[in-house]
C-alpha atoms as a PDB file:
ATOM      1  CA  MET A   1     303.144  84.556  97.429  1.00  0.00           C
ATOM      2  CA  ASN A   2     300.502  84.617 100.153  1.00  0.00           C
ATOM      3  CA  ASN A   3     301.035  83.562 103.760  1.00  0.00           C
ATOM      4  CA  VAL A   4     299.108  80.306 103.361  1.00  0.00           C
ATOM      5  CA  LYS A   5     301.350  79.166 100.544  1.00  0.00           C
ATOM      6  CA  ARG A   6     304.446  80.221 102.453  1.00  0.00           C
ATOM      7  CA  LYS A   7     303.235  78.265 105.476  1.00  0.00           C
ATOM      8  CA  ASP A   8     302.582  75.166 103.337  1.00  0.00           C
ATOM      9  CA  ILE A   9     306.085  75.315 101.905  1.00  0.00           C
ATOM     10  CA  MET A  10     307.678  75.648 105.341  1.00  0.00           C
ATOM     11  CA  ILE A  11     305.656  72.663 106.552  1.00  0.00           C
ATOM     12  CA  ARG A  12     306.913  70.580 103.610  1.00  0.00           C
ATOM     13  CA  ILE A  13     310.507  71.533 104.382  1.00  0.00           C
ATOM     14  CA  VAL A  14     310.142  70.614 108.061  1.00  0.00           C
ATOM     15  CA  VAL A  15     308.440  67.323 107.163  1.00  0.00           C
ATOM     16  CA  VAL A  16     311.173  66.191 104.773  1.00  0.00           C
ATOM     17  CA  LEU A  17     313.869  67.256 107.247  1.00  0.00           C
ATOM     18  CA  VAL A  18     312.295  65.311 110.124  1.00  0.00           C
ATOM     19  CA  LEU A  19     311.615  62.231 107.982  1.00  0.00           C
ATOM     20  CA  GLY A  20     315.181  62.382 106.649  1.00  0.00           C
ATOM     21  CA  ILE A  21     316.510  62.364 110.218  1.00  0.00           C
ATOM     22  CA  ILE A  22     314.253  59.413 111.035  1.00  0.00           C
ATOM     23  CA  ILE A  23     315.473  57.477 107.974  1.00  0.00           C
ATOM     24  CA  TRP A  24     319.164  57.987 108.796  1.00  0.00           C
ATOM     25  CA  ASN A  25     318.702  57.043 112.459  1.00  0.00           C
ATOM     26  CA  PHE A  26     316.635  54.010 111.472  1.00  0.00           C
ATOM     27  CA  VAL A  27     319.328  52.868 109.045  1.00  0.00           C
ATOM     28  CA  SER A  28     321.965  53.455 111.730  1.00  0.00           C
ATOM     29  CA  TYR A  29     319.907  51.325 114.124  1.00  0.00           C
ATOM     30  CA  LEU A  30     319.679  48.532 111.551  1.00  0.00           C
ATOM     31  CA  SER A  31     323.422  48.718 110.999  1.00  0.00           C
ATOM     32  CA  ASP A  32     324.262  48.578 114.711  1.00  0.00           C
ATOM     33  CA  THR A  33     321.738  45.808 115.421  1.00  0.00           C
ATOM     34  CA  PHE A  34     322.370  43.421 112.539  1.00  0.00           C
ATOM     35  CA  ILE A  35     325.881  44.286 111.388  1.00  0.00           C
ATOM     36  CA  GLY A  36     327.703  45.744 114.382  1.00  0.00           C
ATOM     37  CA  LYS A  37     330.290  48.486 114.727  1.00  0.00           C
ATOM     38  CA  GLU A  38     333.074  46.773 112.748  1.00  0.00           C
ATOM     39  CA  TYR A  39     333.451  48.074 109.189  1.00  0.00           C
ATOM     40  CA  ASN A  40     332.572  45.620 106.429  1.00  0.00           C
ATOM     41  CA  PRO A  41     332.393  46.788 102.785  1.00  0.00           C
ATOM     42  CA  LEU A  42     329.514  44.486 101.793  1.00  0.00           C
ATOM     43  CA  SER A  43     327.412  45.319 104.847  1.00  0.00           C
ATOM     44  CA  HIS A  44     328.125  49.018 104.354  1.00  0.00           C
ATOM     45  CA  PHE A  45     326.975  48.714 100.744  1.00  0.00           C
ATOM     46  CA  ILE A  46     323.700  47.041 101.762  1.00  0.00           C
ATOM     47  CA  ILE A  47     323.026  49.828 104.259  1.00  0.00           C
ATOM     48  CA  ALA A  48     323.777  52.333 101.498  1.00  0.00           C
ATOM     49  CA  LEU A  49     321.167  50.773  99.199  1.00  0.00           C
ATOM     50  CA  ILE A  50     318.568  50.837 101.976  1.00  0.00           C
ATOM     51  CA  THR A  51     319.315  54.523 102.631  1.00  0.00           C
ATOM     52  CA  THR A  52     318.857  55.495  98.984  1.00  0.00           C
ATOM     53  CA  ALA A  53     315.742  53.345  98.565  1.00  0.00           C
ATOM     54  CA  LEU A  54     314.021  54.911 101.578  1.00  0.00           C
ATOM     55  CA  THR A  55     315.032  58.401 100.456  1.00  0.00           C
ATOM     56  CA  ILE A  56     313.692  57.938  96.938  1.00  0.00           C
ATOM     57  CA  ILE A  57     310.426  56.500  98.298  1.00  0.00           C
ATOM     58  CA  LEU A  58     310.113  59.494 100.643  1.00  0.00           C
ATOM     59  CA  ILE A  59     310.672  62.063  97.907  1.00  0.00           C
ATOM     60  CA  GLN A  60     308.426  60.227  95.438  1.00  0.00           C
ATOM     61  CA  VAL A  61     305.561  60.260  97.963  1.00  0.00           C
ATOM     62  CA  LEU A  62     306.124  63.965  98.668  1.00  0.00           C
ATOM     63  CA  LEU A  63     306.259  64.850  94.972  1.00  0.00           C
ATOM     64  CA  LYS A  64     303.076  62.924  94.295  1.00  0.00           C
ATOM     65  CA  SER A  65     301.393  64.730  97.179  1.00  0.00           C
ATOM     66  CA  ASP A  66     302.685  68.083  95.877  1.00  0.00           C
ATOM     67  CA  LYS A  67     301.682  67.186  92.304  1.00  0.00           C
ATOM     68  CA  ILE A  68     305.062  68.139  90.863  1.00  0.00           C
ATOM     69  CA  SER A  69     307.677  66.071  89.030  1.00  0.00           C
ATOM     70  CA  TRP A  70     311.321  65.172  89.645  1.00  0.00           C
ATOM     71  CA  LYS A  71     312.406  67.734  87.050  1.00  0.00           C
ATOM     72  CA  HIS A  72     311.545  70.467  89.554  1.00  0.00           C
ATOM     73  CA  LEU A  73     314.318  69.200  91.856  1.00  0.00           C
ATOM     74  CA  GLY A  74     317.278  70.091  89.656  1.00  0.00           C
ATOM     75  CA  GLN A  75     316.782  67.135  87.321  1.00  0.00           C
ATOM     76  CA  SER A  76     316.961  67.090  83.528  1.00  0.00           C
ATOM     77  CA  THR A  77     317.445  64.541  80.751  1.00  0.00           C
ATOM     78  CA  PHE A  78     319.660  61.528  81.372  1.00  0.00           C
ATOM     79  CA  LYS A  79     322.383  62.962  79.130  1.00  0.00           C
ATOM     80  CA  THR A  80     322.326  66.338  80.867  1.00  0.00           C
ATOM     81  CA  ASN A  81     322.377  64.708  84.301  1.00  0.00           C
ATOM     82  CA  ILE A  82     325.456  62.677  83.354  1.00  0.00           C
ATOM     83  CA  PHE A  83     327.190  65.814  82.056  1.00  0.00           C
ATOM     84  CA  SER A  84     326.354  67.696  85.272  1.00  0.00           C
ATOM     85  CA  PHE A  85     327.565  64.779  87.417  1.00  0.00           C
ATOM     86  CA  LEU A  86     330.883  64.560  85.563  1.00  0.00           C
ATOM     87  CA  LEU A  87     331.250  68.340  85.693  1.00  0.00           C
ATOM     88  CA  GLY A  88     330.892  68.327  89.472  1.00  0.00           C
ATOM     89  CA  PHE A  89     333.159  65.284  89.777  1.00  0.00           C
ATOM     90  CA  PHE A  90     336.013  66.797  87.759  1.00  0.00           C
ATOM     91  CA  LEU A  91     335.609  70.247  89.301  1.00  0.00           C
ATOM     92  CA  TRP A  92     336.652  68.541  92.513  1.00  0.00           C
ATOM     93  CA  THR A  93     339.092  65.944  91.171  1.00  0.00           C
ATOM     94  CA  ILE A  94     341.333  68.165  89.026  1.00  0.00           C
ATOM     95  CA  PRO A  95     341.935  70.995  91.555  1.00  0.00           C
ATOM     96  CA  ALA A  96     342.238  68.444  94.385  1.00  0.00           C
ATOM     97  CA  THR A  97     344.919  66.526  92.479  1.00  0.00           C
ATOM     98  CA  ILE A  98     346.852  69.762  91.918  1.00  0.00           C
ATOM     99  CA  GLY A  99     346.406  70.624  95.588  1.00  0.00           C
ATOM    100  CA  LEU A 100     347.663  67.180  96.630  1.00  0.00           C
ATOM    101  CA  PHE A 101     350.775  67.648  94.479  1.00  0.00           C
ATOM    102  CA  ILE A 102     351.395  71.078  96.045  1.00  0.00           C
ATOM    103  CA  CYS A 103     350.999  69.735  99.591  1.00  0.00           C
ATOM    104  CA  LEU A 104     353.397  66.854  98.921  1.00  0.00           C
ATOM    105  CA  SER A 105     355.934  69.065  97.114  1.00  0.00           C
ATOM    106  CA  PHE A 106     356.140  71.568  99.970  1.00  0.00           C
ATOM    107  CA  GLY A 107     356.301  68.846 102.605  1.00  0.00           C
ATOM    108  CA  TRP A 108     353.055  69.910 104.239  1.00  0.00           C
ATOM    109  CA  VAL A 109     351.709  66.376 103.881  1.00  0.00           C
ATOM    110  CA  GLU A 110     353.353  62.938 103.927  1.00  0.00           C
ATOM    111  CA  ILE A 111     351.538  59.849 102.665  1.00  0.00           C
ATOM    112  CA  THR A 112     352.731  56.281 103.176  1.00  0.00           C
ATOM    113  CA  VAL A 113     351.085  53.580 101.059  1.00  0.00           C
ATOM    114  CA  HIS A 114     350.419  50.136 102.586  1.00  0.00           C
ATOM    115  CA  THR A 115     348.728  48.338  99.698  1.00  0.00           C
ATOM    116  CA  ASP A 116     349.153  47.217  96.110  1.00  0.00           C
ATOM    117  CA  PHE A 117     347.582  49.029  93.185  1.00  0.00           C
ATOM    118  CA  ASN A 118     344.934  46.398  92.343  1.00  0.00           C
ATOM    119  CA  SER A 119     343.666  46.154  95.936  1.00  0.00           C
ATOM    120  CA  LEU A 120     343.558  49.939  96.195  1.00  0.00           C
ATOM    121  CA  LEU A 121     341.668  50.277  92.910  1.00  0.00           C
ATOM    122  CA  LEU A 122     339.074  47.695  93.971  1.00  0.00           C
ATOM    123  CA  SER A 123     338.667  49.346  97.352  1.00  0.00           C
ATOM    124  CA  ILE A 124     338.177  52.777  95.746  1.00  0.00           C
ATOM    125  CA  PHE A 125     335.581  51.387  93.327  1.00  0.00           C
ATOM    126  CA  ILE A 126     333.559  49.713  96.091  1.00  0.00           C
ATOM    127  CA  LEU A 127     333.796  52.800  98.286  1.00  0.00           C
ATOM    128  CA  PHE A 128     332.800  55.071  95.392  1.00  0.00           C
ATOM    129  CA  ILE A 129     329.591  53.122  94.779  1.00  0.00           C
ATOM    130  CA  THR A 130     328.846  52.924  98.507  1.00  0.00           C
ATOM    131  CA  VAL A 131     329.380  56.656  99.086  1.00  0.00           C
ATOM    132  CA  PHE A 132     327.106  57.361  96.125  1.00  0.00           C
ATOM    133  CA  PHE A 133     324.210  55.426  97.647  1.00  0.00           C
ATOM    134  CA  ILE A 134     324.760  56.102 101.355  1.00  0.00           C
ATOM    135  CA  GLU A 135     325.314  59.864 101.271  1.00  0.00           C
ATOM    136  CA  ALA A 136     325.955  61.639  97.967  1.00  0.00           C
ATOM    137  CA  LEU A 137     322.713  60.687  96.204  1.00  0.00           C
ATOM    138  CA  PRO A 138     320.227  60.644  99.117  1.00  0.00           C
ATOM    139  CA  GLU A 139     321.622  63.713 100.895  1.00  0.00           C
ATOM    140  CA  GLU A 140     321.749  65.773  97.712  1.00  0.00           C
ATOM    141  CA  LEU A 141     318.241  64.722  96.651  1.00  0.00           C
ATOM    142  CA  ILE A 142     316.862  65.877  99.995  1.00  0.00           C
ATOM    143  CA  PHE A 143     318.897  69.031 100.662  1.00  0.00           C
ATOM    144  CA  ARG A 144     320.092  70.350  97.292  1.00  0.00           C
ATOM    145  CA  GLY A 145     317.050  68.829  95.586  1.00  0.00           C
ATOM    146  CA  TYR A 146     313.752  68.974  97.479  1.00  0.00           C
ATOM    147  CA  ILE A 147     314.619  71.439 100.263  1.00  0.00           C
ATOM    148  CA  TYR A 148     316.623  73.740  97.991  1.00  0.00           C
ATOM    149  CA  ARG A 149     313.823  73.860  95.438  1.00  0.00           C
ATOM    150  CA  TYR A 150     311.168  74.817  97.953  1.00  0.00           C
ATOM    151  CA  LEU A 151     313.369  77.359  99.736  1.00  0.00           C
ATOM    152  CA  ASN A 152     314.109  78.988  96.378  1.00  0.00           C
ATOM    153  CA  VAL A 153     310.401  79.665  95.932  1.00  0.00           C
ATOM    154  CA  LEU A 154     310.544  81.903  99.014  1.00  0.00           C
ATOM    155  CA  PHE A 155     314.130  83.153  98.979  1.00  0.00           C
ATOM    156  CA  PRO A 156     316.724  84.185  96.361  1.00  0.00           C
ATOM    157  CA  HIS A 157     319.546  81.764  95.606  1.00  0.00           C
ATOM    158  CA  TRP A 158     322.013  83.356  98.012  1.00  0.00           C
ATOM    159  CA  GLY A 159     319.527  83.125 100.884  1.00  0.00           C
ATOM    160  CA  THR A 160     318.512  79.614  99.895  1.00  0.00           C
ATOM    161  CA  ILE A 161     322.145  78.475 100.015  1.00  0.00           C
ATOM    162  CA  ILE A 162     322.580  79.776 103.560  1.00  0.00           C
ATOM    163  CA  LEU A 163     319.303  78.326 104.817  1.00  0.00           C
ATOM    164  CA  GLN A 164     319.818  74.868 103.307  1.00  0.00           C
ATOM    165  CA  ALA A 165     323.294  74.805 104.869  1.00  0.00           C
ATOM    166  CA  CYS A 166     321.763  75.547 108.285  1.00  0.00           C
ATOM    167  CA  LEU A 167     319.206  72.763 107.823  1.00  0.00           C
ATOM    168  CA  PHE A 168     321.901  70.344 106.641  1.00  0.00           C
ATOM    169  CA  THR A 169     323.946  71.129 109.760  1.00  0.00           C
ATOM    170  CA  LEU A 170     320.876  70.533 111.940  1.00  0.00           C
ATOM    171  CA  PHE A 171     320.302  67.233 110.148  1.00  0.00           C
ATOM    172  CA  ALA A 172     323.946  66.254 110.717  1.00  0.00           C
ATOM    173  CA  TYR A 173     323.628  67.001 114.427  1.00  0.00           C
ATOM    174  CA  PHE A 174     320.543  64.832 114.872  1.00  0.00           C
ATOM    175  CA  ILE A 175     322.043  61.856 113.039  1.00  0.00           C
ATOM    176  CA  GLY A 176     325.248  62.061 115.095  1.00  0.00           C
ATOM    177  CA  ALA A 177     327.534  63.303 112.304  1.00  0.00           C
ATOM    178  CA  ILE A 178     328.805  66.287 114.311  1.00  0.00           C
ATOM    179  CA  TYR A 179     331.075  64.467 116.741  1.00  0.00           C
ATOM    180  CA  SER A 180     333.991  66.917 116.858  1.00  0.00           C
ATOM    181  CA  VAL A 181     334.892  70.587 116.453  1.00  0.00           C
ATOM    182  CA  GLU A 182     336.380  69.757 113.052  1.00  0.00           C
ATOM    183  CA  GLN A 183     333.063  68.310 111.877  1.00  0.00           C
ATOM    184  CA  LEU A 184     331.191  71.358 113.147  1.00  0.00           C
ATOM    185  CA  GLN A 185     333.540  73.528 111.098  1.00  0.00           C
ATOM    186  CA  PHE A 186     333.418  71.288 108.029  1.00  0.00           C
ATOM    187  CA  ILE A 187     329.734  70.440 107.577  1.00  0.00           C
ATOM    188  CA  PRO A 188     328.210  73.937 107.216  1.00  0.00           C
ATOM    189  CA  GLY A 189     330.987  74.979 104.814  1.00  0.00           C
ATOM    190  CA  PHE A 190     330.573  71.807 102.778  1.00  0.00           C
ATOM    191  CA  ALA A 191     326.820  72.408 102.549  1.00  0.00           C
ATOM    192  CA  ILE A 192     327.394  75.965 101.323  1.00  0.00           C
ATOM    193  CA  ILE A 193     329.831  74.771  98.647  1.00  0.00           C
ATOM    194  CA  LEU A 194     327.370  72.109  97.475  1.00  0.00           C
ATOM    195  CA  GLY A 195     324.591  74.695  97.478  1.00  0.00           C
ATOM    196  CA  VAL A 196     326.655  77.080  95.352  1.00  0.00           C
ATOM    197  CA  PHE A 197     327.388  74.347  92.807  1.00  0.00           C
ATOM    198  CA  ARG A 198     323.730  73.326  92.665  1.00  0.00           C
ATOM    199  CA  ALA A 199     322.571  76.947  92.377  1.00  0.00           C
ATOM    200  CA  ILE A 200     324.880  78.085  89.598  1.00  0.00           C
ATOM    201  CA  SER A 201     324.591  74.916  87.507  1.00  0.00           C
ATOM    202  CA  GLY A 202     320.864  74.505  88.142  1.00  0.00           C
ATOM    203  CA  SER A 203     321.414  70.765  88.574  1.00  0.00           C
ATOM    204  CA  VAL A 204     321.492  68.647  91.715  1.00  0.00           C
ATOM    205  CA  TRP A 205     323.759  66.249  89.813  1.00  0.00           C
ATOM    206  CA  THR A 206     326.603  68.770  89.843  1.00  0.00           C
ATOM    207  CA  SER A 207     326.589  68.744  93.627  1.00  0.00           C
ATOM    208  CA  ILE A 208     326.263  64.941  93.643  1.00  0.00           C
ATOM    209  CA  GLY A 209     329.400  64.633  91.486  1.00  0.00           C
ATOM    210  CA  PHE A 210     331.363  67.032  93.698  1.00  0.00           C
ATOM    211  CA  HIS A 211     330.086  65.333  96.864  1.00  0.00           C
ATOM    212  CA  ILE A 212     330.991  61.800  95.853  1.00  0.00           C
ATOM    213  CA  ALA A 213     334.460  62.751  94.597  1.00  0.00           C
ATOM    214  CA  MET A 214     335.406  64.567  97.775  1.00  0.00           C
ATOM    215  CA  MET A 215     334.011  62.067 100.257  1.00  0.00           C
ATOM    216  CA  THR A 216     335.412  59.025  98.449  1.00  0.00           C
ATOM    217  CA  ALA A 217     338.904  60.535  98.486  1.00  0.00           C
ATOM    218  CA  THR A 218     338.577  61.660 102.108  1.00  0.00           C
ATOM    219  CA  GLN A 219     337.372  58.267 103.322  1.00  0.00           C
ATOM    220  CA  ILE A 220     339.808  56.107 101.348  1.00  0.00           C
ATOM    221  CA  LEU A 221     342.667  57.908 103.092  1.00  0.00           C
ATOM    222  CA  GLY A 222     341.228  57.098 106.503  1.00  0.00           C
ATOM    223  CA  PRO A 223     342.762  54.434 108.777  1.00  0.00           C
ATOM    224  CA  ILE A 224     339.641  52.249 108.629  1.00  0.00           C
ATOM    225  CA  HIS A 225     340.582  51.100 105.104  1.00  0.00           C
ATOM    226  CA  GLY A 226     344.233  50.454 105.959  1.00  0.00           C
ATOM    227  CA  HIS A 227     345.680  51.661 102.648  1.00  0.00           C
ATOM    228  CA  PHE A 228     347.469  54.818 103.797  1.00  0.00           C
ATOM    229  CA  ASP A 229     349.133  56.585 106.688  1.00  0.00           C
ATOM    230  CA  VAL A 230     348.704  60.330 106.285  1.00  0.00           C
ATOM    231  CA  ASN A 231     350.699  62.917 108.191  1.00  0.00           C
ATOM    232  CA  GLY A 232     349.133  66.365 107.850  1.00  0.00           C
ATOM    233  CA  ILE A 233     345.623  65.189 106.992  1.00  0.00           C
ATOM    234  CA  PHE A 234     343.941  68.435 108.090  1.00  0.00           C
ATOM    235  CA  THR A 235     346.224  70.506 105.863  1.00  0.00           C
ATOM    236  CA  LEU A 236     345.521  68.150 102.973  1.00  0.00           C
ATOM    237  CA  GLN A 237     341.771  68.324 103.488  1.00  0.00           C
ATOM    238  CA  PHE A 238     341.657  72.106 103.828  1.00  0.00           C
ATOM    239  CA  VAL A 239     344.046  73.098 101.024  1.00  0.00           C
ATOM    240  CA  ALA A 240     343.620  70.310  98.471  1.00  0.00           C
ATOM    241  CA  PHE A 241     340.180  68.888  99.194  1.00  0.00           C
ATOM    242  CA  ILE A 242     338.210  72.013 100.144  1.00  0.00           C
ATOM    243  CA  LEU A 243     339.877  75.341  99.331  1.00  0.00           C
ATOM    244  CA  LEU A 244     341.176  74.779  95.787  1.00  0.00           C
ATOM    245  CA  PRO A 245     338.179  72.778  94.452  1.00  0.00           C
ATOM    246  CA  SER A 246     335.726  75.287  95.940  1.00  0.00           C
ATOM    247  CA  VAL A 247     337.449  78.355  94.485  1.00  0.00           C
ATOM    248  CA  VAL A 248     338.245  76.801  91.110  1.00  0.00           C
ATOM    249  CA  GLY A 249     334.885  75.038  90.814  1.00  0.00           C
ATOM    250  CA  SER A 250     332.745  78.078  91.582  1.00  0.00           C
ATOM    251  CA  THR A 251     334.866  80.219  89.245  1.00  0.00           C
ATOM    252  CA  VAL A 252     334.552  77.746  86.356  1.00  0.00           C
ATOM    253  CA  LEU A 253     330.803  77.395  86.893  1.00  0.00           C
ATOM    254  CA  SER A 254     330.429  81.187  86.912  1.00  0.00           C
ATOM    255  CA  PHE A 255     332.036  81.283  83.464  1.00  0.00           C
ATOM    256  CA  ILE A 256     329.948  78.395  82.125  1.00  0.00           C
ATOM    257  CA  TYR A 257     326.693  79.805  83.489  1.00  0.00           C
ATOM    258  CA  ALA A 258     327.499  83.488  83.069  1.00  0.00           C
ATOM    259  CA  ASN A 259     323.850  84.590  83.155  1.00  0.00           C
ATOM    260  CA  PHE A 260     323.155  83.135  86.605  1.00  0.00           C
ATOM    261  CA  ASN A 261     321.150  85.533  88.799  1.00  0.00           C
ATOM    262  CA  TRP A 262     321.865  85.269  92.542  1.00  0.00           C
ATOM    263  CA  SER A 263     318.734  87.263  93.409  1.00  0.00           C
ATOM    264  CA  LYS A 264     316.284  85.099  91.470  1.00  0.00           C
ATOM    265  CA  LYS A 265     313.381  83.261  93.085  1.00  0.00           C
ATOM    266  CA  THR A 266     311.895  80.372  91.112  1.00  0.00           C
ATOM    267  CA  PRO A 267     308.150  79.597  91.289  1.00  0.00           C
ATOM    268  CA  LEU A 268     307.176  75.932  91.367  1.00  0.00           C
ATOM    269  CA  HIS A 269     304.852  76.119  88.381  1.00  0.00           C
END
């Protein structure tokens, strides 16, 4: 690859990163101006739809300018995308459930429930759809889709994973998502995990499935929803929500996609 082409690719990556930051801050401005700080499921859902719509428009314009198709961004047939999504979803859900049971059994975590089953189920469903549109889909399309694909033209998978994690952390900082030491520790690691899942499976939908499962579970346990009181939340998140799903998920994917080459670079055409 010549220097001109390399320069063009880096420009594209910077452009989508900057425009992504602008979109998220614009949506945050809309939310603060017209909805306010108080959490409301319907308002949150509307903001989520706006976020995804703007992201898809952005990527569509970029792809048209680049003269490439969506299939270059870790996309496949509808059936394959659904399989990849469910694979990512269950590679988080099953180990996380086992991890939750372990944490409760050893007394590392205590959870008190303050709701009935039907209300909880409805709340989880609404949150699941909202998380899909406000972060899992748009963030994965930008970082494990567009940015990952272009980085992988220049760098092998292992280098691409590290670089996209750095860019995702930078993005998180500029949209105000790094508001504590815990977040600074969590976000780069989460981006690396998502990058590994996307790399090995070859599908952005695997990382979308993993992303939505983890963040829905993490958020539903939060005090803002009022369903649970959790004692030992950091232990639960590290052991059950991060450590076990990451280790088990990457191991399972390595068996499924045994021929994956960490050193491979993938040309656009």
